[in-house]
Amino acid sequence: MGSIWELDFYSRPILDANQKKVWEVLICESPLDVRTNTDNLFRFAKYCPSTEVNSVWLRTAIQEAISKAGEAPNKIRFFRRQMNNMIVKACEDAGITAAPSRRILILHEWLKQRMEEVYPQEPGYQGGTNPSVRLDSPLPQRLPDALEGQKWVFVSLSAAELAEMPEWDIGFTEAFPLDLAQVSPQTRIPGVLIFSPRALPIAGWMSGLELAFLRVDTSQGTRLVLETGATESWILANIKNPTIVGEAQGFEAAKQKANGVHFIGVQSDPQAESFAGFWLLQEVGLP
C-alpha cells in the first residue's frame, strides 16, 4: 500500500507588506498503522503570496513536495470544502486523486501547533482566530439497501489491546498510533462491531468512504451515525431500546474520555476470529 497525504491550502493569520493575507500550503503524510512513528512521516510547508492563490501555484507546490518525498502518494486528503475546486484541480493536474476527508489527524495537530508556535513569530502576525467558512452539512443518509438490517453491538477494548492490531487478521483497515491521541495503554476505547454474512462487501464499501468518525445523534430520537468524507453521514441504526440508548450514551462518554478515539469493525458473526474490516477513528474539531 502506497502513502496517503493530507493537505491544507488556506490563508493564515499573517499580513504581507501590502496588508494582504499570506496563504500557505501544508502537506503531511497520513499514519496508516498503530506502529507508525509519526516523527518519520513526510511534511512540507510553503507560504504563498495572496496574488498567486490558484491551482497552478498549488500544483507546482505539490510537485515540489513529491520531488522532496521521492515518490507521489496514492491520494491526497483535504478537509476545507470551500477550497474544493482549486485543490481537486491542482491534484488532478499533478496526476493524483484528491479525496475530501475529515481523516486528517496529523494535519489537525500540525495546524494547531503552527497556530500556537509558528505564526505568532512571523512579521505581520494578526492575533485572534483565523476562522474558516462554516458550511452547512447535509442530513444523514439512509444506508444502501444491501447494507441494512445488519446486527451490531457496542463494545470496548483497551488501548493496549488495540496496539496489537497488526497481528490481527483484517481485510480492510486503517489505523494510527495511539500516542498521537495522547491516550494511555489502560484507556478504554469504545467501538461498534457490525455482524453480517456479507461482511466483506460491507467492509469494501466502507473502505471507499473516507471514514471520519461515529457519533450518537439525538436530534431526532437516538441514532448511530457514521460520518464520512468531508460532509457525508450515514444512519447506521435508529436506537429505540432504552437499554441500548443507555449504551449509546456510554459510548459517547467513553469516546470523550479517550480524546475522541474509537473504532468500528465488521465481522461475519460474533464467533469470527478475523475482521473483514477494522478502522481506528478519532473525532477532532476541525478549524
C-alpha atoms as a PDB file:
ATOM      1  CA  MET A   1       0.000   0.000   0.000  1.00  0.00           C
ATOM      2  CA  GLY A   2       1.373   3.399  -1.001  1.00  0.00           C
ATOM      3  CA  SER A   3       1.285   6.549   1.075  1.00  0.00           C
ATOM      4  CA  ILE A   4      -1.616   8.941   1.616  1.00  0.00           C
ATOM      5  CA  TRP A   5      -1.071  12.666   2.137  1.00  0.00           C
ATOM      6  CA  GLU A   6      -3.114  15.296   3.966  1.00  0.00           C
ATOM      7  CA  LEU A   7      -3.229  18.831   2.544  1.00  0.00           C
ATOM      8  CA  ASP A   8      -4.405  22.261   3.635  1.00  0.00           C
ATOM      9  CA  PHE A   9      -4.241  25.364   1.426  1.00  0.00           C
ATOM     10  CA  TYR A  10      -5.666  28.422   3.121  1.00  0.00           C
ATOM     11  CA  SER A  11      -4.935  31.921   4.423  1.00  0.00           C
ATOM     12  CA  ARG A  12      -3.019  32.287   7.687  1.00  0.00           C
ATOM     13  CA  PRO A  13      -3.272  34.999  10.381  1.00  0.00           C
ATOM     14  CA  ILE A  14      -0.332  36.877   8.806  1.00  0.00           C
ATOM     15  CA  LEU A  15      -0.405  40.052   6.670  1.00  0.00           C
ATOM     16  CA  ASP A  16       2.199  40.822   3.997  1.00  0.00           C
ATOM     17  CA  ALA A  17       3.714  44.245   3.250  1.00  0.00           C
ATOM     18  CA  ASN A  18       0.561  45.176   1.291  1.00  0.00           C
ATOM     19  CA  GLN A  19      -1.694  44.226   4.216  1.00  0.00           C
ATOM     20  CA  LYS A  20      -2.964  41.159   2.362  1.00  0.00           C
ATOM     21  CA  LYS A  21      -3.386  37.747   3.987  1.00  0.00           C
ATOM     22  CA  VAL A  22      -0.497  35.345   3.469  1.00  0.00           C
ATOM     23  CA  TRP A  23      -1.564  31.892   2.277  1.00  0.00           C
ATOM     24  CA  GLU A  24       0.163  28.602   2.966  1.00  0.00           C
ATOM     25  CA  VAL A  25       0.119  25.016   1.787  1.00  0.00           C
ATOM     26  CA  LEU A  26       0.743  22.301   4.352  1.00  0.00           C
ATOM     27  CA  ILE A  27       1.260  18.709   3.215  1.00  0.00           C
ATOM     28  CA  CYS A  28       1.882  15.782   5.550  1.00  0.00           C
ATOM     29  CA  GLU A  29       1.771  12.011   5.335  1.00  0.00           C
ATOM     30  CA  SER A  30      -1.103  10.108   6.953  1.00  0.00           C
ATOM     31  CA  PRO A  31      -0.234   7.412   9.509  1.00  0.00           C
ATOM     32  CA  LEU A  32      -1.817   4.139   8.388  1.00  0.00           C
ATOM     33  CA  ASP A  33      -0.785   1.781  11.210  1.00  0.00           C
ATOM     34  CA  VAL A  34      -0.707   1.784  15.027  1.00  0.00           C
ATOM     35  CA  ARG A  35       3.062   1.196  14.825  1.00  0.00           C
ATOM     36  CA  THR A  36       3.780   4.279  12.693  1.00  0.00           C
ATOM     37  CA  ASN A  37       6.491   6.560  14.066  1.00  0.00           C
ATOM     38  CA  THR A  38       4.953   9.979  13.407  1.00  0.00           C
ATOM     39  CA  ASP A  39       8.394  11.626  13.577  1.00  0.00           C
ATOM     40  CA  ASN A  40       9.282   9.826  10.339  1.00  0.00           C
ATOM     41  CA  LEU A  41       6.225  10.963   8.375  1.00  0.00           C
ATOM     42  CA  PHE A  42       6.835  13.337   5.450  1.00  0.00           C
ATOM     43  CA  ARG A  43       5.967  17.034   5.897  1.00  0.00           C
ATOM     44  CA  PHE A  44       6.112  20.025   3.550  1.00  0.00           C
ATOM     45  CA  ALA A  45       5.165  23.674   4.166  1.00  0.00           C
ATOM     46  CA  LYS A  46       5.327  26.675   1.860  1.00  0.00           C
ATOM     47  CA  TYR A  47       3.895  30.189   2.036  1.00  0.00           C
ATOM     48  CA  CYS A  48       2.005  31.544  -0.967  1.00  0.00           C
ATOM     49  CA  PRO A  49       1.621  35.255  -1.829  1.00  0.00           C
ATOM     50  CA  SER A  50      -2.025  36.374  -1.931  1.00  0.00           C
ATOM     51  CA  THR A  51      -1.544  37.340  -5.596  1.00  0.00           C
ATOM     52  CA  GLU A  52      -0.722  33.754  -6.596  1.00  0.00           C
ATOM     53  CA  VAL A  53      -3.551  31.822  -4.927  1.00  0.00           C
ATOM     54  CA  ASN A  54      -4.599  29.495  -7.755  1.00  0.00           C
ATOM     55  CA  SER A  55      -4.477  25.854  -8.802  1.00  0.00           C
ATOM     56  CA  VAL A  56      -1.316  26.391 -10.898  1.00  0.00           C
ATOM     57  CA  TRP A  57       0.706  27.576  -7.879  1.00  0.00           C
ATOM     58  CA  LEU A  58      -0.708  24.756  -5.756  1.00  0.00           C
ATOM     59  CA  ARG A  59       0.051  22.102  -8.406  1.00  0.00           C
ATOM     60  CA  THR A  60       3.655  23.351  -8.573  1.00  0.00           C
ATOM     61  CA  ALA A  61       3.907  23.146  -4.768  1.00  0.00           C
ATOM     62  CA  ILE A  62       2.534  19.579  -4.810  1.00  0.00           C
ATOM     63  CA  GLN A  63       5.084  18.623  -7.467  1.00  0.00           C
ATOM     64  CA  GLU A  64       7.841  20.182  -5.342  1.00  0.00           C
ATOM     65  CA  ALA A  65       6.647  18.118  -2.358  1.00  0.00           C
ATOM     66  CA  ILE A  66       6.661  14.936  -4.472  1.00  0.00           C
ATOM     67  CA  SER A  67      10.216  15.705  -5.539  1.00  0.00           C
ATOM     68  CA  LYS A  68      11.300  16.130  -1.904  1.00  0.00           C
ATOM     69  CA  ALA A  69       9.449  12.984  -0.751  1.00  0.00           C
ATOM     70  CA  GLY A  70      10.901  10.896  -3.556  1.00  0.00           C
ATOM     71  CA  GLU A  71       7.535   9.430  -4.603  1.00  0.00           C
ATOM     72  CA  ALA A  72       3.949  10.524  -5.156  1.00  0.00           C
ATOM     73  CA  PRO A  73       1.166   9.482  -2.779  1.00  0.00           C
ATOM     74  CA  ASN A  74      -1.776   7.317  -3.820  1.00  0.00           C
ATOM     75  CA  LYS A  75      -4.166  10.118  -2.904  1.00  0.00           C
ATOM     76  CA  ILE A  76      -4.324  13.450  -1.107  1.00  0.00           C
ATOM     77  CA  ARG A  77      -6.913  14.137   1.596  1.00  0.00           C
ATOM     78  CA  PHE A  78      -8.234  17.644   2.274  1.00  0.00           C
ATOM     79  CA  PHE A  79     -10.946  18.955   4.583  1.00  0.00           C
ATOM     80  CA  ARG A  80     -11.720  22.553   3.503  1.00  0.00           C
ATOM     81  CA  ARG A  81     -14.793  22.296   1.322  1.00  0.00           C
ATOM     82  CA  GLN A  82     -14.589  25.953   0.263  1.00  0.00           C
ATOM     83  CA  MET A  83     -11.252  25.157  -1.427  1.00  0.00           C
ATOM     84  CA  ASN A  84     -12.630  22.053  -3.161  1.00  0.00           C
ATOM     85  CA  ASN A  85     -12.378  23.132  -6.810  1.00  0.00           C
ATOM     86  CA  MET A  86      -8.873  24.575  -6.556  1.00  0.00           C
ATOM     87  CA  ILE A  87      -7.435  21.633  -4.603  1.00  0.00           C
ATOM     88  CA  VAL A  88      -9.095  18.973  -6.792  1.00  0.00           C
ATOM     89  CA  LYS A  89      -7.832  20.643  -9.994  1.00  0.00           C
ATOM     90  CA  ALA A  90      -4.279  21.056  -8.640  1.00  0.00           C
ATOM     91  CA  CYS A  91      -4.150  17.414  -7.526  1.00  0.00           C
ATOM     92  CA  GLU A  92      -5.602  16.090 -10.785  1.00  0.00           C
ATOM     93  CA  ASP A  93      -3.155  18.227 -12.809  1.00  0.00           C
ATOM     94  CA  ALA A  94      -0.382  16.641 -10.731  1.00  0.00           C
ATOM     95  CA  GLY A  95      -1.802  13.190 -11.534  1.00  0.00           C
ATOM     96  CA  ILE A  96      -3.091  12.435  -8.026  1.00  0.00           C
ATOM     97  CA  THR A  97      -6.594  11.670  -6.750  1.00  0.00           C
ATOM     98  CA  ALA A  98      -7.975  14.261  -4.323  1.00  0.00           C
ATOM     99  CA  ALA A  99     -10.237  12.962  -1.538  1.00  0.00           C
ATOM    100  CA  PRO A 100     -12.446  15.261   0.578  1.00  0.00           C
ATOM    101  CA  SER A 101     -11.908  13.849   4.071  1.00  0.00           C
ATOM    102  CA  ARG A 102     -12.065  14.616   7.767  1.00  0.00           C
ATOM    103  CA  ARG A 103      -9.483  11.906   8.445  1.00  0.00           C
ATOM    104  CA  ILE A 104      -6.618  14.412   8.730  1.00  0.00           C
ATOM    105  CA  LEU A 105      -5.296  13.690  12.218  1.00  0.00           C
ATOM    106  CA  ILE A 106      -1.652  14.640  11.659  1.00  0.00           C
ATOM    107  CA  LEU A 107      -2.647  17.781   9.743  1.00  0.00           C
ATOM    108  CA  HIS A 108      -5.032  18.775  12.539  1.00  0.00           C
ATOM    109  CA  GLU A 109      -2.262  18.540  15.153  1.00  0.00           C
ATOM    110  CA  TRP A 110       0.247  20.316  12.903  1.00  0.00           C
ATOM    111  CA  LEU A 111      -2.134  23.220  12.207  1.00  0.00           C
ATOM    112  CA  LYS A 112      -2.786  23.592  15.926  1.00  0.00           C
ATOM    113  CA  GLN A 113       0.956  23.618  16.656  1.00  0.00           C
ATOM    114  CA  ARG A 114       1.661  26.202  13.936  1.00  0.00           C
ATOM    115  CA  MET A 115      -1.171  28.456  15.148  1.00  0.00           C
ATOM    116  CA  GLU A 116       0.350  28.421  18.640  1.00  0.00           C
ATOM    117  CA  GLU A 117       4.082  28.427  17.934  1.00  0.00           C
ATOM    118  CA  VAL A 118       4.939  29.387  14.328  1.00  0.00           C
ATOM    119  CA  TYR A 119       2.601  32.090  13.026  1.00  0.00           C
ATOM    120  CA  PRO A 120       2.911  34.334  16.130  1.00  0.00           C
ATOM    121  CA  GLN A 121       6.664  34.599  15.369  1.00  0.00           C
ATOM    122  CA  GLU A 122       6.078  35.831  11.810  1.00  0.00           C
ATOM    123  CA  PRO A 123       6.182  39.546  10.857  1.00  0.00           C
ATOM    124  CA  GLY A 124       2.645  40.737  10.181  1.00  0.00           C
ATOM    125  CA  TYR A 125       1.042  38.244  12.569  1.00  0.00           C
ATOM    126  CA  GLN A 126      -2.563  39.095  13.423  1.00  0.00           C
ATOM    127  CA  GLY A 127      -3.688  37.646  16.755  1.00  0.00           C
ATOM    128  CA  GLY A 128      -7.089  36.152  17.376  1.00  0.00           C
ATOM    129  CA  THR A 129      -8.851  33.486  15.385  1.00  0.00           C
ATOM    130  CA  ASN A 130      -8.397  32.624  11.735  1.00  0.00           C
ATOM    131  CA  PRO A 131     -11.925  31.366  11.100  1.00  0.00           C
ATOM    132  CA  SER A 132     -12.759  29.004   8.314  1.00  0.00           C
ATOM    133  CA  VAL A 133     -16.023  29.487   6.464  1.00  0.00           C
ATOM    134  CA  ARG A 134     -18.623  27.266   8.105  1.00  0.00           C
ATOM    135  CA  LEU A 135     -20.734  25.390   5.601  1.00  0.00           C
ATOM    136  CA  ASP A 136     -23.902  23.527   6.482  1.00  0.00           C
ATOM    137  CA  SER A 137     -23.667  19.745   6.333  1.00  0.00           C
ATOM    138  CA  PRO A 138     -26.372  17.692   4.610  1.00  0.00           C
ATOM    139  CA  LEU A 139     -28.652  15.474   6.686  1.00  0.00           C
ATOM    140  CA  PRO A 140     -27.554  11.875   7.348  1.00  0.00           C
ATOM    141  CA  GLN A 141     -28.483   9.463   4.560  1.00  0.00           C
ATOM    142  CA  ARG A 142     -30.034   6.026   4.783  1.00  0.00           C
ATOM    143  CA  LEU A 143     -27.606   3.180   4.248  1.00  0.00           C
ATOM    144  CA  PRO A 144     -27.797   1.468   0.839  1.00  0.00           C
ATOM    145  CA  ASP A 145     -30.424  -1.302   0.984  1.00  0.00           C
ATOM    146  CA  ALA A 146     -27.811  -4.044   0.612  1.00  0.00           C
ATOM    147  CA  LEU A 147     -26.186  -2.931   3.863  1.00  0.00           C
ATOM    148  CA  GLU A 148     -29.281  -2.548   6.017  1.00  0.00           C
ATOM    149  CA  GLY A 149     -30.595  -4.995   8.586  1.00  0.00           C
ATOM    150  CA  GLN A 150     -27.219  -5.965   9.980  1.00  0.00           C
ATOM    151  CA  LYS A 151     -26.644  -6.853  13.634  1.00  0.00           C
ATOM    152  CA  TRP A 152     -24.324  -4.593  15.583  1.00  0.00           C
ATOM    153  CA  VAL A 153     -23.162  -4.101  19.178  1.00  0.00           C
ATOM    154  CA  PHE A 154     -21.325  -1.539  21.317  1.00  0.00           C
ATOM    155  CA  VAL A 155     -18.024  -2.898  22.677  1.00  0.00           C
ATOM    156  CA  SER A 156     -14.756  -1.589  24.111  1.00  0.00           C
ATOM    157  CA  LEU A 157     -11.080  -2.538  24.115  1.00  0.00           C
ATOM    158  CA  SER A 158      -8.113  -1.125  25.970  1.00  0.00           C
ATOM    159  CA  ALA A 159      -5.595   0.988  24.061  1.00  0.00           C
ATOM    160  CA  ALA A 160      -3.017  -1.730  24.837  1.00  0.00           C
ATOM    161  CA  GLU A 161      -5.211  -4.342  23.115  1.00  0.00           C
ATOM    162  CA  LEU A 162      -5.646  -2.097  20.055  1.00  0.00           C
ATOM    163  CA  ALA A 163      -1.860  -1.747  19.845  1.00  0.00           C
ATOM    164  CA  GLU A 164      -1.857  -5.414  18.777  1.00  0.00           C
ATOM    165  CA  MET A 165      -3.919  -4.678  15.629  1.00  0.00           C
ATOM    166  CA  PRO A 166      -1.036  -5.549  13.234  1.00  0.00           C
ATOM    167  CA  GLU A 167      -1.211  -9.141  14.498  1.00  0.00           C
ATOM    168  CA  TRP A 168      -4.938  -9.499  13.768  1.00  0.00           C
ATOM    169  CA  ASP A 169      -6.410 -10.996  10.606  1.00  0.00           C
ATOM    170  CA  ILE A 170      -8.057  -7.943   8.996  1.00  0.00           C
ATOM    171  CA  GLY A 171      -9.216  -7.404   5.406  1.00  0.00           C
ATOM    172  CA  PHE A 172      -9.726  -3.641   5.028  1.00  0.00           C
ATOM    173  CA  THR A 173      -8.111  -1.467   7.690  1.00  0.00           C
ATOM    174  CA  GLU A 174      -6.530   1.834   8.642  1.00  0.00           C
ATOM    175  CA  ALA A 175      -5.207   2.998  12.000  1.00  0.00           C
ATOM    176  CA  PHE A 176      -2.882   5.480  13.664  1.00  0.00           C
ATOM    177  CA  PRO A 177      -0.508   5.361  16.650  1.00  0.00           C
ATOM    178  CA  LEU A 178      -2.486   5.908  19.844  1.00  0.00           C
ATOM    179  CA  ASP A 179       0.165   8.193  21.309  1.00  0.00           C
ATOM    180  CA  LEU A 180      -0.905  10.681  18.617  1.00  0.00           C
ATOM    181  CA  ALA A 181      -4.185  10.980  20.534  1.00  0.00           C
ATOM    182  CA  GLN A 182      -2.393  11.020  23.897  1.00  0.00           C
ATOM    183  CA  VAL A 183      -4.240   8.055  25.362  1.00  0.00           C
ATOM    184  CA  SER A 184      -2.611   5.746  27.892  1.00  0.00           C
ATOM    185  CA  PRO A 185      -2.425   1.950  27.340  1.00  0.00           C
ATOM    186  CA  GLN A 186      -5.062   1.477  30.063  1.00  0.00           C
ATOM    187  CA  THR A 187      -7.632   3.792  28.425  1.00  0.00           C
ATOM    188  CA  ARG A 188     -10.849   2.056  27.404  1.00  0.00           C
ATOM    189  CA  ILE A 189     -11.554   2.720  23.735  1.00  0.00           C
ATOM    190  CA  PRO A 190     -15.220   2.369  22.742  1.00  0.00           C
ATOM    191  CA  GLY A 191     -16.316   0.906  19.444  1.00  0.00           C
ATOM    192  CA  VAL A 192     -19.030  -0.667  17.348  1.00  0.00           C
ATOM    193  CA  LEU A 193     -18.913  -4.127  15.762  1.00  0.00           C
ATOM    194  CA  ILE A 194     -21.160  -4.914  12.784  1.00  0.00           C
ATOM    195  CA  PHE A 195     -22.007  -8.560  12.056  1.00  0.00           C
ATOM    196  CA  SER A 196     -23.167  -9.751   8.644  1.00  0.00           C
ATOM    197  CA  PRO A 197     -22.777 -12.782   6.376  1.00  0.00           C
ATOM    198  CA  ARG A 198     -21.919 -10.120   3.743  1.00  0.00           C
ATOM    199  CA  ALA A 199     -19.099  -8.759   5.917  1.00  0.00           C
ATOM    200  CA  LEU A 200     -16.509  -8.484   3.125  1.00  0.00           C
ATOM    201  CA  PRO A 201     -18.673  -6.458   0.663  1.00  0.00           C
ATOM    202  CA  ILE A 202     -19.745  -4.182   3.535  1.00  0.00           C
ATOM    203  CA  ALA A 203     -16.130  -3.642   4.606  1.00  0.00           C
ATOM    204  CA  GLY A 204     -15.155  -2.988   0.991  1.00  0.00           C
ATOM    205  CA  TRP A 205     -17.911  -0.398   0.626  1.00  0.00           C
ATOM    206  CA  MET A 206     -16.882   1.290   3.876  1.00  0.00           C
ATOM    207  CA  SER A 207     -13.208   1.357   2.889  1.00  0.00           C
ATOM    208  CA  GLY A 208     -14.051   3.620  -0.051  1.00  0.00           C
ATOM    209  CA  LEU A 209     -15.849   6.195   2.085  1.00  0.00           C
ATOM    210  CA  GLU A 210     -13.011   8.100   3.827  1.00  0.00           C
ATOM    211  CA  LEU A 211     -14.272   7.092   7.281  1.00  0.00           C
ATOM    212  CA  ALA A 212     -14.157  10.013   9.732  1.00  0.00           C
ATOM    213  CA  PHE A 213     -15.927   9.084  12.980  1.00  0.00           C
ATOM    214  CA  LEU A 214     -19.007   7.608  14.630  1.00  0.00           C
ATOM    215  CA  ARG A 215     -21.383   9.725  16.684  1.00  0.00           C
ATOM    216  CA  VAL A 216     -24.641   9.299  18.530  1.00  0.00           C
ATOM    217  CA  ASP A 217     -27.176  11.817  17.197  1.00  0.00           C
ATOM    218  CA  THR A 218     -30.071  12.759  19.475  1.00  0.00           C
ATOM    219  CA  SER A 219     -31.649  15.472  17.283  1.00  0.00           C
ATOM    220  CA  GLN A 220     -34.355  13.050  16.084  1.00  0.00           C
ATOM    221  CA  GLY A 221     -34.635  10.258  18.629  1.00  0.00           C
ATOM    222  CA  THR A 222     -31.357   8.408  19.110  1.00  0.00           C
ATOM    223  CA  ARG A 223     -29.369   7.390  16.047  1.00  0.00           C
ATOM    224  CA  LEU A 224     -25.927   5.938  15.446  1.00  0.00           C
ATOM    225  CA  VAL A 225     -24.373   7.960  12.621  1.00  0.00           C
ATOM    226  CA  LEU A 226     -21.216   7.270  10.603  1.00  0.00           C
ATOM    227  CA  GLU A 227     -19.514  10.444   9.337  1.00  0.00           C
ATOM    228  CA  THR A 228     -17.538  10.058   6.102  1.00  0.00           C
ATOM    229  CA  GLY A 229     -15.790  12.213   3.510  1.00  0.00           C
ATOM    230  CA  ALA A 230     -15.930  15.978   4.027  1.00  0.00           C
ATOM    231  CA  THR A 231     -19.667  16.190   4.702  1.00  0.00           C
ATOM    232  CA  GLU A 232     -21.423  12.843   4.216  1.00  0.00           C
ATOM    233  CA  SER A 233     -23.068  10.923   7.023  1.00  0.00           C
ATOM    234  CA  TRP A 234     -24.979   7.662   7.181  1.00  0.00           C
ATOM    235  CA  ILE A 235     -27.555   6.353   9.651  1.00  0.00           C
ATOM    236  CA  LEU A 236     -26.196   3.008  10.868  1.00  0.00           C
ATOM    237  CA  ALA A 237     -29.070   2.434  13.291  1.00  0.00           C
ATOM    238  CA  ASN A 238     -32.141   4.020  14.839  1.00  0.00           C
ATOM    239  CA  ILE A 239     -31.987   3.158  18.537  1.00  0.00           C
ATOM    240  CA  LYS A 240     -35.267   2.740  20.421  1.00  0.00           C
ATOM    241  CA  ASN A 241     -34.460   0.147  23.089  1.00  0.00           C
ATOM    242  CA  PRO A 242     -33.881   2.052  26.385  1.00  0.00           C
ATOM    243  CA  THR A 243     -31.010  -0.259  27.356  1.00  0.00           C
ATOM    244  CA  ILE A 244     -29.203   0.357  24.069  1.00  0.00           C
ATOM    245  CA  VAL A 245     -29.911   4.100  24.318  1.00  0.00           C
ATOM    246  CA  GLY A 246     -28.017   3.936  27.617  1.00  0.00           C
ATOM    247  CA  GLU A 247     -25.177   2.051  25.902  1.00  0.00           C
ATOM    248  CA  ALA A 248     -25.091   4.742  23.214  1.00  0.00           C
ATOM    249  CA  GLN A 249     -24.726   7.424  25.882  1.00  0.00           C
ATOM    250  CA  GLY A 250     -21.942   5.357  27.443  1.00  0.00           C
ATOM    251  CA  PHE A 251     -20.219   5.101  24.050  1.00  0.00           C
ATOM    252  CA  GLU A 252     -20.161   8.901  23.680  1.00  0.00           C
ATOM    253  CA  ALA A 253     -18.943   9.385  27.266  1.00  0.00           C
ATOM    254  CA  ALA A 254     -16.125   6.850  26.761  1.00  0.00           C
ATOM    255  CA  LYS A 255     -15.215   8.496  23.445  1.00  0.00           C
ATOM    256  CA  GLN A 256     -14.815  11.857  25.194  1.00  0.00           C
ATOM    257  CA  LYS A 257     -12.581  10.297  27.869  1.00  0.00           C
ATOM    258  CA  ALA A 258     -10.438   8.743  25.116  1.00  0.00           C
ATOM    259  CA  ASN A 259      -9.878  12.123  23.372  1.00  0.00           C
ATOM    260  CA  GLY A 260     -12.336  11.195  20.631  1.00  0.00           C
ATOM    261  CA  VAL A 261     -10.689   7.832  19.817  1.00  0.00           C
ATOM    262  CA  HIS A 262     -12.978   4.912  18.950  1.00  0.00           C
ATOM    263  CA  PHE A 263     -13.269   2.130  16.357  1.00  0.00           C
ATOM    264  CA  ILE A 264     -15.587   0.301  14.007  1.00  0.00           C
ATOM    265  CA  GLY A 265     -15.217  -3.328  12.972  1.00  0.00           C
ATOM    266  CA  VAL A 266     -17.033  -5.644  10.565  1.00  0.00           C
ATOM    267  CA  GLN A 267     -17.218  -9.424  11.108  1.00  0.00           C
ATOM    268  CA  SER A 268     -19.186 -12.287   9.604  1.00  0.00           C
ATOM    269  CA  ASP A 269     -20.518 -13.286  13.047  1.00  0.00           C
ATOM    270  CA  PRO A 270     -19.708 -12.804  16.762  1.00  0.00           C
ATOM    271  CA  GLN A 271     -17.640 -16.005  16.845  1.00  0.00           C
ATOM    272  CA  ALA A 272     -15.397 -14.995  13.931  1.00  0.00           C
ATOM    273  CA  GLU A 273     -11.690 -14.669  14.734  1.00  0.00           C
ATOM    274  CA  SER A 274     -10.979 -12.396  11.762  1.00  0.00           C
ATOM    275  CA  PHE A 275     -12.275  -8.982  10.676  1.00  0.00           C
ATOM    276  CA  ALA A 276     -13.491  -8.134   7.185  1.00  0.00           C
ATOM    277  CA  GLY A 277     -12.759  -4.531   8.161  1.00  0.00           C
ATOM    278  CA  PHE A 278     -11.465  -2.683  11.210  1.00  0.00           C
ATOM    279  CA  TRP A 279     -10.753   1.042  11.470  1.00  0.00           C
ATOM    280  CA  LEU A 280      -9.387   3.128  14.293  1.00  0.00           C
ATOM    281  CA  LEU A 281     -11.126   6.520  14.276  1.00  0.00           C
ATOM    282  CA  GLN A 282     -10.850   9.851  16.098  1.00  0.00           C
ATOM    283  CA  GLU A 283     -13.332  12.703  16.188  1.00  0.00           C
ATOM    284  CA  VAL A 284     -11.439  16.011  16.076  1.00  0.00           C
ATOM    285  CA  GLY A 285     -12.711  19.598  15.874  1.00  0.00           C
ATOM    286  CA  LEU A 286     -11.627  20.982  12.515  1.00  0.00           C
ATOM    287  CA  PRO A 287     -10.745  24.685  12.144  1.00  0.00           C
END
